[in-house]
Protein backbone atom coordinates (compact mmCIF):
# COMPACT_ATOMS: atom_id res chain seq x y z
CA UNK A 1 0.00 0.00 0.00
CA UNK A 2 3.07 2.23 0.09
CA UNK A 3 2.01 4.54 2.93
CA UNK A 4 -1.32 5.40 1.29
CA UNK A 5 -2.83 5.52 4.76
CA UNK A 6 0.10 6.67 6.84
CA UNK A 7 0.96 10.04 8.33
CA UNK A 8 -1.87 12.33 9.39
CA UNK A 9 -4.50 9.96 7.98
CA UNK A 10 -3.84 7.58 10.87
CA UNK A 11 -5.10 10.03 13.49
CA UNK A 12 -8.32 10.62 11.59
CA UNK A 13 -8.72 6.88 11.02
CA UNK A 14 -8.33 6.06 14.69
CA UNK A 15 -10.64 8.81 15.91
CA UNK A 16 -13.42 8.66 13.33
CA UNK A 17 -13.61 5.11 12.01
CA UNK A 18 -16.44 3.51 13.94
CA UNK A 19 -15.90 0.38 15.97
CA UNK A 20 -17.96 -2.78 15.66
CA UNK A 21 -21.01 -3.55 17.83
CA UNK A 22 -20.57 -6.08 20.64
CA UNK A 23 -22.95 -8.46 18.81
CA UNK A 24 -20.28 -8.91 16.12
CA UNK A 25 -17.87 -10.42 18.64
CA UNK A 26 -20.62 -12.55 20.18
CA UNK A 27 -21.28 -13.93 16.69
CA UNK A 28 -17.61 -14.65 15.99
CA UNK A 29 -17.18 -16.41 19.34
CA UNK A 30 -20.25 -18.58 18.80
CA UNK A 31 -19.67 -19.31 15.11
CA UNK A 32 -16.06 -20.40 15.50
CA UNK A 33 -16.25 -21.74 19.06
CA UNK A 34 -13.57 -19.33 20.23
CA UNK A 35 -11.88 -20.27 23.47
CA UNK A 36 -9.15 -18.95 25.80
CA UNK A 37 -6.52 -21.17 24.18
CA UNK A 38 -7.13 -19.83 20.66
CA UNK A 39 -4.94 -17.59 18.56
CA UNK A 40 -6.77 -15.15 16.25
CA UNK A 41 -5.39 -13.14 13.34
CA UNK A 42 -6.74 -9.73 12.32
CA UNK A 43 -5.48 -9.08 8.79
CA UNK A 44 -5.45 -5.45 7.66
CA UNK A 45 -5.98 -4.43 11.27
CA UNK A 46 -5.66 -0.66 10.85
CA UNK A 47 -5.62 0.97 14.28
CA UNK A 48 -7.24 -1.99 16.00
CA UNK A 49 -11.03 -1.49 15.72
CA UNK A 50 -11.49 -5.27 15.48
CA UNK A 51 -8.23 -6.40 17.05
CA UNK A 52 -8.69 -4.91 20.51
CA UNK A 53 -12.23 -6.18 21.25
CA UNK A 54 -11.38 -9.57 19.75
CA UNK A 55 -8.58 -9.95 22.31
CA UNK A 56 -11.21 -10.42 25.04
CA UNK A 57 -12.47 -13.60 23.34
CA UNK A 58 -9.22 -15.53 22.75
CA UNK A 59 -5.83 -16.24 24.24
CA UNK A 60 -3.89 -14.04 21.82
CA UNK A 61 -4.45 -11.96 18.69
CA UNK A 62 -1.97 -11.09 15.98
CA UNK A 63 -2.77 -7.78 14.28
CA UNK A 64 -1.21 -7.47 10.82
CA UNK A 65 -1.07 -4.36 8.63
CA UNK A 66 1.26 -3.05 5.90
CA UNK A 67 1.30 0.51 7.30
CA UNK A 68 3.82 1.13 10.12
CA UNK A 69 1.96 4.24 11.31
CA UNK A 70 -1.29 2.28 11.62
CA UNK A 71 0.44 -0.40 13.68
CA UNK A 72 2.07 2.17 15.95
CA UNK A 73 -1.31 3.76 16.70
CA UNK A 74 -2.92 0.35 17.20
CA UNK A 75 -0.21 -0.59 19.67
CA UNK A 76 -0.88 2.64 21.59
CA UNK A 77 -4.63 1.95 21.59
CA UNK A 78 -4.10 -1.49 23.09
CA UNK A 79 -1.75 -0.09 25.74
CA UNK A 80 -4.23 2.66 26.63
CA UNK A 81 -6.87 -0.02 27.22
CA UNK A 82 -4.52 -2.25 29.18
CA UNK A 83 -4.69 -5.08 26.63
CA UNK A 84 -1.62 -7.28 26.84
CA UNK A 85 -2.40 -10.27 24.62
CA UNK A 86 -1.98 -8.68 21.17
CA UNK A 87 1.09 -8.91 18.97
CA UNK A 88 1.56 -6.50 16.05
CA UNK A 89 3.18 -7.51 12.79
CA UNK A 90 4.11 -5.39 9.77
CA UNK A 91 2.90 -7.43 6.84
CA UNK A 92 0.27 -8.00 4.17
CA UNK A 93 -1.82 -10.73 2.58
CA UNK A 94 1.18 -11.94 0.58
CA UNK A 95 2.90 -12.89 3.85
CA UNK A 96 0.40 -15.58 4.88
CA UNK A 97 2.54 -18.54 3.77
CA UNK A 98 5.34 -17.26 6.02
CA UNK A 99 2.83 -16.86 8.87
CA UNK A 100 1.89 -20.52 8.56
CA UNK A 101 5.57 -21.42 8.81
CA UNK A 102 5.68 -19.54 12.14
CA UNK A 103 2.34 -20.62 13.64
CA UNK A 104 2.04 -24.04 12.04
CA UNK A 105 -0.94 -25.42 10.14
CA UNK A 106 -4.37 -25.77 11.75
CA UNK A 107 -3.56 -23.63 14.80
CA UNK A 108 -5.71 -20.50 14.36
CA UNK A 109 -9.22 -20.12 15.76
CA UNK A 110 -10.26 -17.35 13.41
CA UNK A 111 -8.98 -14.83 10.90
CA UNK A 112 -10.83 -11.53 10.65
CA UNK A 113 -10.64 -9.06 7.76
CA UNK A 114 -12.55 -5.85 8.47
CA UNK A 115 -13.39 -3.85 5.34
CA UNK A 116 -9.90 -4.44 3.96
CA UNK A 117 -10.24 -7.42 1.62
CA UNK A 118 -10.66 -5.10 -1.38
CA UNK A 119 -6.95 -4.24 -0.98
CA UNK A 120 -5.97 -7.91 -1.19
CA UNK A 121 -5.80 -10.73 -3.73
CA UNK A 122 -8.73 -12.62 -2.23
CA UNK A 123 -8.62 -15.45 -4.77
CA UNK A 124 -5.13 -16.42 -3.66
CA UNK A 125 -5.47 -15.40 -0.02
CA UNK A 126 -8.57 -17.28 1.13
CA UNK A 127 -7.27 -20.80 0.35
CA UNK A 128 -4.06 -19.88 2.19
CA UNK A 129 -6.03 -18.73 5.22
CA UNK A 130 -8.05 -21.95 5.27
CA UNK A 131 -4.85 -23.92 5.88
CA UNK A 132 -4.19 -21.91 9.06
CA UNK A 133 -7.50 -22.79 10.71
CA UNK A 134 -8.02 -25.36 13.42
CA UNK A 135 -11.05 -27.67 13.09
CA UNK A 136 -14.18 -25.58 13.59
CA UNK A 137 -12.30 -22.30 13.10
CA UNK A 138 -13.03 -19.87 10.35
CA UNK A 139 -12.52 -16.70 8.36
CA UNK A 140 -14.75 -13.65 8.91
CA UNK A 141 -14.93 -10.98 6.21
CA UNK A 142 -16.67 -7.93 7.67
CA UNK A 143 -17.95 -4.64 6.34
CA UNK A 144 -19.06 -1.84 8.63
CA UNK A 145 -21.41 0.23 6.49
CA UNK A 146 -21.03 1.72 3.03
CA UNK A 147 -18.82 4.79 2.47
CA UNK A 148 -20.34 8.01 3.77
CA UNK A 149 -20.69 9.46 0.26
CA UNK A 150 -22.46 6.43 -1.27
CA UNK A 151 -25.51 6.16 0.97
CA UNK A 152 -29.19 6.67 -0.05
CA UNK A 153 -29.77 9.91 1.83
CA UNK A 154 -29.85 13.58 0.77
CA UNK A 155 -26.89 14.49 2.96
CA UNK A 156 -24.81 11.64 1.49
CA UNK A 157 -25.66 12.72 -2.07
CA UNK A 158 -24.65 16.29 -1.19
CA UNK A 159 -21.40 15.03 0.32
CA UNK A 160 -20.55 13.08 -2.80
CA UNK A 161 -21.19 16.04 -5.10
CA UNK A 162 -19.08 18.30 -2.90
CA UNK A 163 -16.17 15.85 -2.66
CA UNK A 164 -16.14 15.16 -6.38
CA UNK A 165 -15.74 18.90 -6.97
CA UNK A 166 -13.08 19.31 -4.30
CA UNK A 167 -11.07 16.25 -5.31
CA UNK A 168 -11.77 16.52 -9.05
CA UNK A 169 -12.57 12.83 -9.31
CA UNK A 170 -15.60 10.55 -9.51
CA UNK A 171 -16.19 8.63 -6.30
CA UNK A 172 -17.26 5.09 -7.17
CA UNK A 173 -15.20 2.76 -4.96
CA UNK A 174 -17.41 0.83 -2.56
CA UNK A 175 -14.60 -0.59 -0.38
CA UNK A 176 -15.93 -4.08 -1.04
CA UNK A 177 -19.48 -3.43 0.20
CA UNK A 178 -21.25 -3.85 -3.15
CA UNK A 179 -23.14 -7.07 -3.91
CA UNK A 180 -20.97 -8.29 -6.85
CA UNK A 181 -17.84 -8.01 -4.72
CA UNK A 182 -19.48 -9.71 -1.76
CA UNK A 183 -20.61 -12.52 -4.07
CA UNK A 184 -17.04 -12.94 -5.33
CA UNK A 185 -15.82 -13.17 -1.73
CA UNK A 186 -18.44 -15.82 -0.90
CA UNK A 187 -17.48 -17.88 -3.95
CA UNK A 188 -13.78 -17.68 -3.09
CA UNK A 189 -14.45 -18.73 0.50
CA UNK A 190 -16.53 -21.68 -0.68
CA UNK A 191 -13.82 -22.56 -3.20
CA UNK A 192 -11.35 -22.68 -0.31
CA UNK A 193 -13.46 -25.42 1.29
CA UNK A 194 -15.24 -23.23 3.84
CA UNK A 195 -18.95 -23.46 4.67
CA UNK A 196 -20.11 -19.86 4.20
CA UNK A 197 -22.87 -18.03 6.04
CA UNK A 198 -23.87 -14.45 5.26
CA UNK A 199 -25.29 -12.65 8.28
CA UNK A 200 -26.02 -9.00 8.98
CA UNK A 201 -27.02 -6.60 11.71
CA UNK A 202 -28.10 -3.00 11.42
CA UNK A 203 -28.19 0.07 13.63
CA UNK A 204 -28.86 3.78 13.29
CA UNK A 205 -26.34 6.48 14.08
CA UNK A 206 -26.59 10.27 13.95
CA UNK A 207 -23.34 11.91 12.88
CA UNK A 208 -22.04 15.39 13.58
CA UNK A 209 -20.43 17.51 10.87
CA UNK A 210 -17.10 16.95 12.59
CA UNK A 211 -17.56 13.18 12.39
CA UNK A 212 -18.43 13.32 8.70
CA UNK A 213 -15.43 15.50 7.84
CA UNK A 214 -13.17 13.31 9.99
CA UNK A 215 -14.53 10.21 8.29
CA UNK A 216 -13.75 11.73 4.90
CA UNK A 217 -10.18 12.56 5.95
CA UNK A 218 -9.73 9.00 7.24
CA UNK A 219 -10.43 7.65 3.74
CA UNK A 220 -8.20 9.99 1.69
CA UNK A 221 -4.75 8.57 0.81
CA UNK A 222 -1.95 10.45 2.54
CA UNK A 223 -0.69 11.92 -0.72
CA UNK A 224 -4.06 13.54 -1.44
CA UNK A 225 -4.99 14.66 2.07
CA UNK A 226 -5.30 18.46 2.23
CA UNK A 227 -2.39 20.11 4.00
CA UNK A 228 -3.05 21.41 7.53
CA UNK A 229 -3.22 24.96 6.13
CA UNK A 230 -5.91 23.96 3.59
CA UNK A 231 -8.04 21.81 5.88
CA UNK A 232 -10.15 24.61 7.42
CA UNK A 233 -11.28 25.75 3.96
CA UNK A 234 -11.81 22.18 2.76
CA UNK A 235 -13.86 21.35 5.86
CA UNK A 236 -15.93 24.54 5.59
CA UNK A 237 -16.97 23.72 2.04
CA UNK A 238 -18.15 20.28 3.11
CA UNK A 239 -20.03 21.71 6.07
CA UNK A 240 -21.76 24.34 3.94
CA UNK A 241 -22.87 21.70 1.45
CA UNK A 242 -24.29 19.45 4.17
CA UNK A 243 -25.98 21.86 6.62
CA UNK A 244 -29.25 22.13 4.64
CA UNK A 245 -29.64 18.35 4.95
CA UNK A 246 -29.30 17.98 8.74
CA UNK A 247 -29.78 15.81 10.76
CA UNK A 248 -27.19 13.37 9.40
CA UNK A 249 -28.69 10.00 10.20
CA UNK A 250 -26.90 6.91 8.96
CA UNK A 251 -28.39 3.43 8.60
CA UNK A 252 -25.38 1.21 9.21
CA UNK A 253 -25.38 -2.39 8.01
CA UNK A 254 -22.66 -4.61 9.40
CA UNK A 255 -22.24 -7.58 7.08
CA UNK A 256 -20.35 -10.71 8.06
CA UNK A 257 -19.32 -13.45 5.66
CA UNK A 258 -18.46 -16.33 7.97
CA UNK A 259 -16.51 -19.19 6.45
CA UNK A 260 -16.15 -22.19 8.76
CA UNK A 261 -14.03 -25.31 8.36
CA UNK A 262 -16.00 -28.44 7.59
CA UNK A 263 -16.02 -29.69 11.18
CA UNK A 264 -17.52 -26.42 12.44
CA UNK A 265 -21.21 -25.97 13.19
CA UNK A 266 -23.50 -23.04 12.46
CA UNK A 267 -24.95 -21.27 15.45
CA UNK A 268 -28.00 -19.66 13.89
CA UNK A 269 -28.52 -16.15 12.56
CA UNK A 270 -28.13 -12.63 13.85
């Protein structure tokens, strides 16, 4: 990723990227039979939004990300919360064969990928992950809502129009939340020999203008992030475009593709 999300982006990412509801971790624990002796892997961990809560459900978690600045902030977040059973590794999806050499085959309770699989070669990766899993373990591919500028609300439409003018580009990337991409993920998981279940939960959230602007900054590659001197003007233009459409209510859908090894059992639906 070549520092696309390093530097100042990391602070915005940590502060404004929402965490996952507790029900997500209940589902992972039940689906994969997580236990205190398990090791979990959070691939593309960012600043630890999945990694830190997951640590409460297993013996140890390994958070992996290709961005050193993301890992440094994640390590700080874990320390601030007094979490001592997470290890942090600079790496990417291409490093999974080496990870198996370290951990051994069939040793991992679960691998989580939170809205990051679109950066990875999922066709190659998912079969490699399947070889890491203990019997009954699994892979969880999670999304945590669609991008702020691609939602079916007037304020989201206004945000998209404003950003396309400011950034002089068309905003079409869904970060893997669109149905064709999700279907490709499901097919790849099934092709890796996993039994796949698609489950979802939804909640409503009302955002402030600050949270929307911060969320935008968290998604801009470091090389395109406005300089500190330009950010007040950039933010003001977004705020002016959105104010007529207040309140800024978001319908968040958390989607979980749960791929379990053949000896695992399904635990129902969420």
